Amino acid sequence: MPVETRLQLVLAVLAHEMTVAEAARRHGVSAESINRWRNRFVDVGKAAMEDGMPGKAGSQSVNAKGMG
């Protein structure tokens, strides 16, 4: 499955647009896969917000839904 599709599924689950089970069923993958992708996405996102990461101070590059 392409990365963009996995990303869309993870974002839909995080936004409560669909459940993990629904996302898995619709796309023919296991709920475990969806959970693994979601956890990886969240873990990497948290790591990017840690102190000392480049671009954390004053970055205005992200402007999704008014954030940034």
N, C-alpha and C. Protein backbone atom coordinates (compact mmCIF):
# COMPACT_ATOMS: atom_id res chain seq x y z
N MET A 1 0.86 -1.18 0.00
CA MET A 1 0.00 0.00 0.00
C MET A 1 0.90 1.25 0.00
N PRO A 2 0.60 2.20 -0.86
CA PRO A 2 1.43 3.41 -0.93
C PRO A 2 1.45 4.18 0.40
N VAL A 3 2.54 4.85 0.63
CA VAL A 3 2.71 5.64 1.85
C VAL A 3 1.59 6.67 2.00
N GLU A 4 1.23 7.33 0.92
CA GLU A 4 0.19 8.36 1.00
C GLU A 4 -1.15 7.77 1.47
N THR A 5 -1.46 6.58 1.03
CA THR A 5 -2.69 5.92 1.46
C THR A 5 -2.63 5.59 2.94
N ARG A 6 -1.48 5.06 3.38
CA ARG A 6 -1.31 4.76 4.81
C ARG A 6 -1.45 6.03 5.63
N LEU A 7 -0.85 7.12 5.16
CA LEU A 7 -0.93 8.40 5.86
C LEU A 7 -2.37 8.87 5.95
N GLN A 8 -3.12 8.79 4.86
CA GLN A 8 -4.52 9.20 4.88
C GLN A 8 -5.33 8.37 5.87
N LEU A 9 -5.06 7.07 5.93
CA LEU A 9 -5.76 6.21 6.88
C LEU A 9 -5.44 6.60 8.31
N VAL A 10 -4.16 6.80 8.60
CA VAL A 10 -3.75 7.17 9.95
C VAL A 10 -4.38 8.50 10.36
N LEU A 11 -4.35 9.47 9.47
CA LEU A 11 -4.94 10.77 9.79
C LEU A 11 -6.44 10.67 9.99
N ALA A 12 -7.11 9.86 9.20
CA ALA A 12 -8.56 9.67 9.36
C ALA A 12 -8.87 9.02 10.70
N VAL A 13 -8.07 8.05 11.11
CA VAL A 13 -8.27 7.40 12.41
C VAL A 13 -8.01 8.40 13.53
N LEU A 14 -6.94 9.15 13.44
CA LEU A 14 -6.62 10.13 14.49
C LEU A 14 -7.67 11.22 14.59
N ALA A 15 -8.30 11.56 13.47
CA ALA A 15 -9.33 12.60 13.46
C ALA A 15 -10.71 12.03 13.81
N HIS A 16 -10.76 10.74 14.15
CA HIS A 16 -12.01 10.06 14.49
C HIS A 16 -13.02 10.09 13.34
N GLU A 17 -12.51 10.12 12.11
CA GLU A 17 -13.38 10.04 10.94
C GLU A 17 -13.79 8.60 10.68
N MET A 18 -12.97 7.65 11.14
CA MET A 18 -13.30 6.23 11.06
C MET A 18 -12.52 5.50 12.13
N THR A 19 -13.03 4.35 12.50
CA THR A 19 -12.34 3.54 13.50
C THR A 19 -11.21 2.76 12.84
N VAL A 20 -10.33 2.22 13.67
CA VAL A 20 -9.25 1.37 13.17
C VAL A 20 -9.85 0.18 12.43
N ALA A 21 -10.87 -0.43 13.01
CA ALA A 21 -11.50 -1.60 12.38
C ALA A 21 -12.11 -1.25 11.03
N GLU A 22 -12.75 -0.10 10.95
CA GLU A 22 -13.36 0.33 9.69
C GLU A 22 -12.30 0.60 8.63
N ALA A 23 -11.24 1.28 9.01
CA ALA A 23 -10.14 1.57 8.08
C ALA A 23 -9.52 0.27 7.56
N ALA A 24 -9.30 -0.67 8.46
CA ALA A 24 -8.72 -1.95 8.08
C ALA A 24 -9.62 -2.70 7.13
N ARG A 25 -10.90 -2.76 7.44
CA ARG A 25 -11.86 -3.48 6.61
C ARG A 25 -11.97 -2.85 5.22
N ARG A 26 -12.07 -1.54 5.16
CA ARG A 26 -12.22 -0.85 3.88
C ARG A 26 -11.02 -1.05 2.95
N HIS A 27 -9.84 -1.20 3.54
CA HIS A 27 -8.63 -1.25 2.73
C HIS A 27 -7.95 -2.61 2.72
N GLY A 28 -8.59 -3.59 3.31
CA GLY A 28 -8.08 -4.95 3.23
C GLY A 28 -6.77 -5.20 3.96
N VAL A 29 -6.59 -4.51 5.08
CA VAL A 29 -5.39 -4.72 5.91
C VAL A 29 -5.85 -5.05 7.32
N SER A 30 -4.93 -5.49 8.14
CA SER A 30 -5.28 -5.83 9.52
C SER A 30 -5.36 -4.58 10.39
N ALA A 31 -6.15 -4.68 11.44
CA ALA A 31 -6.21 -3.60 12.42
C ALA A 31 -4.84 -3.41 13.06
N GLU A 32 -4.10 -4.50 13.22
CA GLU A 32 -2.75 -4.41 13.79
C GLU A 32 -1.85 -3.54 12.92
N SER A 33 -1.99 -3.65 11.60
CA SER A 33 -1.19 -2.81 10.70
C SER A 33 -1.54 -1.34 10.88
N ILE A 34 -2.83 -1.04 10.92
CA ILE A 34 -3.26 0.35 11.11
C ILE A 34 -2.72 0.88 12.43
N ASN A 35 -2.84 0.09 13.49
CA ASN A 35 -2.32 0.52 14.80
C ASN A 35 -0.81 0.74 14.76
N ARG A 36 -0.10 -0.12 14.09
CA ARG A 36 1.36 0.02 13.98
C ARG A 36 1.72 1.31 13.24
N TRP A 37 1.04 1.58 12.13
CA TRP A 37 1.29 2.81 11.37
C TRP A 37 0.97 4.04 12.20
N ARG A 38 -0.16 4.00 12.92
CA ARG A 38 -0.56 5.13 13.77
C ARG A 38 0.48 5.37 14.86
N ASN A 39 0.91 4.29 15.51
CA ASN A 39 1.88 4.43 16.59
C ASN A 39 3.21 4.98 16.08
N ARG A 40 3.65 4.50 14.93
CA ARG A 40 4.89 5.02 14.33
C ARG A 40 4.76 6.51 14.03
N PHE A 41 3.62 6.89 13.44
CA PHE A 41 3.37 8.28 13.08
C PHE A 41 3.42 9.17 14.32
N VAL A 42 2.75 8.74 15.39
CA VAL A 42 2.72 9.52 16.63
C VAL A 42 4.11 9.57 17.27
N ASP A 43 4.81 8.44 17.31
CA ASP A 43 6.15 8.41 17.93
C ASP A 43 7.12 9.33 17.21
N VAL A 44 7.12 9.30 15.90
CA VAL A 44 8.03 10.16 15.13
C VAL A 44 7.63 11.63 15.30
N GLY A 45 6.34 11.89 15.33
CA GLY A 45 5.87 13.26 15.55
C GLY A 45 6.29 13.79 16.91
N LYS A 46 6.17 12.95 17.94
CA LYS A 46 6.61 13.36 19.28
C LYS A 46 8.10 13.63 19.29
N ALA A 47 8.88 12.77 18.65
CA ALA A 47 10.33 12.94 18.61
C ALA A 47 10.69 14.25 17.91
N ALA A 48 9.94 14.61 16.90
CA ALA A 48 10.21 15.85 16.17
C ALA A 48 9.95 17.09 17.02
N MET A 49 9.13 16.94 18.06
CA MET A 49 8.80 18.08 18.90
C MET A 49 9.73 18.21 20.11
N GLU A 50 10.65 17.26 20.26
CA GLU A 50 11.57 17.28 21.39
C GLU A 50 12.50 18.50 21.29
N ASP A 51 12.97 18.95 22.46
CA ASP A 51 13.94 20.05 22.49
C ASP A 51 15.17 19.65 21.69
N GLY A 52 15.73 20.61 20.99
CA GLY A 52 16.95 20.37 20.24
C GLY A 52 16.73 19.95 18.80
N MET A 53 15.48 19.77 18.41
CA MET A 53 15.21 19.40 17.02
C MET A 53 15.29 20.66 16.16
N PRO A 54 15.90 20.56 14.99
CA PRO A 54 16.00 21.73 14.10
C PRO A 54 14.62 22.23 13.70
N GLY A 55 14.49 23.55 13.63
CA GLY A 55 13.26 24.15 13.15
C GLY A 55 12.13 24.26 14.16
N LYS A 56 12.38 23.91 15.43
CA LYS A 56 11.29 23.93 16.40
C LYS A 56 10.90 25.35 16.82
N ALA A 57 11.85 26.26 16.87
CA ALA A 57 11.57 27.61 17.35
C ALA A 57 11.16 28.52 16.20
N GLY A 58 9.96 29.06 16.29
CA GLY A 58 9.51 30.06 15.33
C GLY A 58 9.21 29.52 13.94
N SER A 59 9.12 28.23 13.78
CA SER A 59 8.83 27.68 12.47
C SER A 59 7.38 27.98 12.09
N GLN A 60 7.19 28.53 10.92
CA GLN A 60 5.86 28.83 10.42
C GLN A 60 5.53 28.01 9.18
N SER A 61 6.28 26.93 8.93
CA SER A 61 6.11 26.19 7.70
C SER A 61 4.86 25.31 7.69
N VAL A 62 4.33 24.94 8.85
CA VAL A 62 3.13 24.12 8.91
C VAL A 62 1.94 25.01 9.13
N ASN A 63 0.96 24.93 8.24
CA ASN A 63 -0.22 25.76 8.37
C ASN A 63 -1.47 24.96 8.09
N ALA A 64 -1.57 23.78 8.69
CA ALA A 64 -2.73 22.93 8.49
C ALA A 64 -3.82 23.32 9.48
N LYS A 65 -4.98 23.64 8.96
CA LYS A 65 -6.14 23.99 9.79
C LYS A 65 -5.80 25.08 10.82
N GLY A 66 -5.04 26.08 10.39
CA GLY A 66 -4.76 27.21 11.26
C GLY A 66 -3.66 27.01 12.26
N MET A 67 -2.96 25.89 12.18
CA MET A 67 -1.87 25.65 13.13
C MET A 67 -0.56 26.05 12.48
N GLY A 68 0.21 26.89 13.15
CA GLY A 68 1.51 27.21 12.62
C GLY A 68 1.66 28.58 12.28
